[in-house]
Amino acid sequence: MYRKVESTPSSPEDFEFPWLGRLSHDNRWVIMASLIPWSEFEEEYAKNFAEYMGAPALPFRMALGALIIKEKLGISDRETVEQIKENPYLQYFIGRKEYSNSSPFDASLLVRFRERITASLVNQVNEKMVEEALKKKMMLHEKTR
């Protein structure tokens, strides 16, 4: 049976966000972001940069977050930037404080992110994520007993 939708938005201004500007705590990107101790690895990442040369580096959360998004979604560097630009959950995941229609960085920077974030560092992050997930699971188990 066909059901006609009462009203469809005729322009972007007519589109409403049902969550009224708040992100859902059970979204996969929000959950994953809570498992990564971003600040713990910022110093390690900062060692890749000269203190007084060139433009300021983007934060570790933005760099690693973008690489995680790219790998998890299986998309190109350019598509990664487009997805981040369009999705408030992905913007939160990379550390933005508020939604923006602008690209957080040029797609070419993903090459630099890959050069600077070593496999060893990624393994350390993965280990910490697993530890944090187990802690949260145990805490939840304790609450339900």
Protein backbone atom coordinates (compact mmCIF):
# COMPACT_ATOMS: atom_id res chain seq x y z
CA MET A 1 0.00 0.00 0.00
CA TYR A 2 1.33 3.41 -0.96
CA ARG A 3 1.29 6.06 1.72
CA LYS A 4 1.78 9.64 0.68
CA VAL A 5 4.01 11.69 2.98
CA GLU A 6 2.12 14.64 4.39
CA SER A 7 4.70 17.24 3.56
CA THR A 8 8.18 17.06 2.18
CA PRO A 9 10.68 19.86 2.66
CA SER A 10 10.83 22.11 -0.37
CA SER A 11 14.11 23.70 0.68
CA PRO A 12 16.92 23.00 3.16
CA GLU A 13 15.48 25.64 5.50
CA ASP A 14 12.32 23.53 5.84
CA PHE A 15 14.22 20.47 7.03
CA GLU A 16 14.00 19.97 10.79
CA PHE A 17 16.38 18.17 13.11
CA PRO A 18 14.34 15.95 15.44
CA TRP A 19 17.13 15.87 18.01
CA LEU A 20 16.99 19.64 18.54
CA GLY A 21 20.70 20.23 18.27
CA ARG A 22 21.82 17.43 20.58
CA LEU A 23 23.73 14.34 19.56
CA SER A 24 22.44 10.95 20.61
CA HIS A 25 24.62 9.21 23.23
CA ASP A 26 23.97 5.82 21.64
CA ASN A 27 25.32 6.80 18.21
CA ARG A 28 28.27 4.61 17.15
CA TRP A 29 30.58 7.61 16.59
CA VAL A 30 29.76 9.12 20.00
CA ILE A 31 30.38 5.76 21.67
CA MET A 32 33.66 5.21 19.84
CA ALA A 33 34.83 8.74 20.67
CA SER A 34 34.25 8.02 24.37
CA LEU A 35 36.50 4.95 24.17
CA ILE A 36 39.55 6.76 22.80
CA PRO A 37 41.74 8.66 25.29
CA TRP A 38 42.51 11.38 22.74
CA SER A 39 44.55 13.67 25.01
CA GLU A 40 46.74 10.77 26.15
CA PHE A 41 48.18 10.47 22.64
CA GLU A 42 48.31 14.16 21.71
CA GLU A 43 51.85 14.55 23.06
CA GLU A 44 53.12 11.52 21.14
CA TYR A 45 51.59 12.92 17.95
CA ALA A 46 53.03 16.39 18.62
CA LYS A 47 56.58 14.96 18.44
CA ASN A 48 56.11 14.86 14.65
CA PHE A 49 56.19 18.63 14.37
CA ALA A 50 58.82 21.35 14.67
CA GLU A 51 57.79 23.91 17.27
CA TYR A 52 58.25 27.05 15.18
CA MET A 53 58.03 25.86 11.57
CA GLY A 54 55.05 26.01 9.25
CA ALA A 55 51.37 26.28 9.95
CA PRO A 56 50.07 24.96 13.27
CA ALA A 57 49.30 21.25 13.19
CA LEU A 58 45.76 19.97 13.46
CA PRO A 59 44.98 18.12 16.69
CA PHE A 60 45.55 14.40 17.06
CA ARG A 61 41.81 13.77 17.45
CA MET A 62 41.13 15.37 14.09
CA ALA A 63 43.93 13.46 12.35
CA LEU A 64 43.28 10.02 13.82
CA GLY A 65 39.52 10.54 13.78
CA ALA A 66 39.58 11.26 10.05
CA LEU A 67 41.68 8.15 9.39
CA ILE A 68 39.31 6.01 11.44
CA ILE A 69 36.31 7.39 9.55
CA LYS A 70 38.02 6.72 6.21
CA GLU A 71 38.86 3.12 7.12
CA LYS A 72 35.58 2.30 8.85
CA LEU A 73 33.51 3.61 5.92
CA GLY A 74 35.91 2.31 3.25
CA ILE A 75 35.96 5.59 1.33
CA SER A 76 38.48 7.82 -0.45
CA ASP A 77 40.26 10.78 1.11
CA ARG A 78 38.00 13.25 -0.70
CA GLU A 79 34.86 11.36 0.26
CA THR A 80 36.06 11.29 3.88
CA VAL A 81 36.21 15.08 3.96
CA GLU A 82 32.77 15.32 2.31
CA GLN A 83 31.25 12.88 4.79
CA ILE A 84 32.71 14.82 7.72
CA LYS A 85 31.46 18.08 6.24
CA GLU A 86 27.91 16.71 5.99
CA ASN A 87 27.61 14.73 9.22
CA PRO A 88 27.45 16.28 12.71
CA TYR A 89 28.34 12.95 14.34
CA LEU A 90 31.54 12.72 12.33
CA GLN A 91 32.35 16.33 13.17
CA TYR A 92 31.94 15.51 16.85
CA PHE A 93 34.12 12.43 16.39
CA ILE A 94 37.03 14.49 15.02
CA GLY A 95 36.69 16.99 17.87
CA ARG A 96 34.71 19.88 16.48
CA LYS A 97 32.72 21.75 19.10
CA GLU A 98 29.84 22.65 16.81
CA TYR A 99 28.46 21.81 13.39
CA SER A 100 29.93 23.64 10.42
CA ASN A 101 29.21 23.41 6.68
CA SER A 102 32.88 23.96 5.93
CA SER A 103 35.49 21.30 5.31
CA PRO A 104 37.65 20.77 8.40
CA PHE A 105 40.77 20.35 6.23
CA ASP A 106 41.81 19.63 2.65
CA ALA A 107 41.63 15.98 1.59
CA SER A 108 45.36 16.04 0.76
CA LEU A 109 46.11 16.28 4.50
CA LEU A 110 45.00 12.69 5.00
CA VAL A 111 48.26 11.66 3.33
CA ARG A 112 50.16 13.60 6.01
CA PHE A 113 48.01 12.11 8.77
CA ARG A 114 48.91 8.62 7.54
CA GLU A 115 52.61 9.52 7.50
CA ARG A 116 52.56 10.90 11.04
CA ILE A 117 50.36 8.37 12.79
CA THR A 118 52.43 5.21 12.96
CA ALA A 119 51.13 1.65 13.16
CA SER A 120 52.61 1.48 16.65
CA LEU A 121 50.59 4.48 17.76
CA VAL A 122 47.42 3.05 16.22
CA ASN A 123 48.05 -0.23 18.09
CA GLN A 124 48.44 1.68 21.36
CA VAL A 125 45.17 3.50 20.73
CA ASN A 126 43.43 0.19 19.91
CA GLU A 127 44.69 -1.35 23.17
CA LYS A 128 43.39 1.61 25.18
CA MET A 129 40.03 1.42 23.39
CA VAL A 130 39.68 -2.25 24.28
CA GLU A 131 40.63 -1.53 27.91
CA GLU A 132 38.08 1.28 28.11
CA ALA A 133 35.35 -0.83 26.50
CA LEU A 134 35.99 -3.63 28.99
CA LYS A 135 35.89 -1.18 31.90
CA LYS A 136 32.57 0.24 30.73
CA LYS A 137 31.16 -3.25 30.21
CA MET A 138 32.21 -4.29 33.72
CA MET A 139 30.71 -1.13 35.22
CA LEU A 140 27.44 -1.79 33.40
CA HIS A 141 27.48 -5.39 34.58
CA GLU A 142 28.02 -4.22 38.19
CA LYS A 143 25.06 -1.83 37.96
CA THR A 144 22.73 -4.52 36.70
CA ARG A 145 23.52 -6.99 39.49
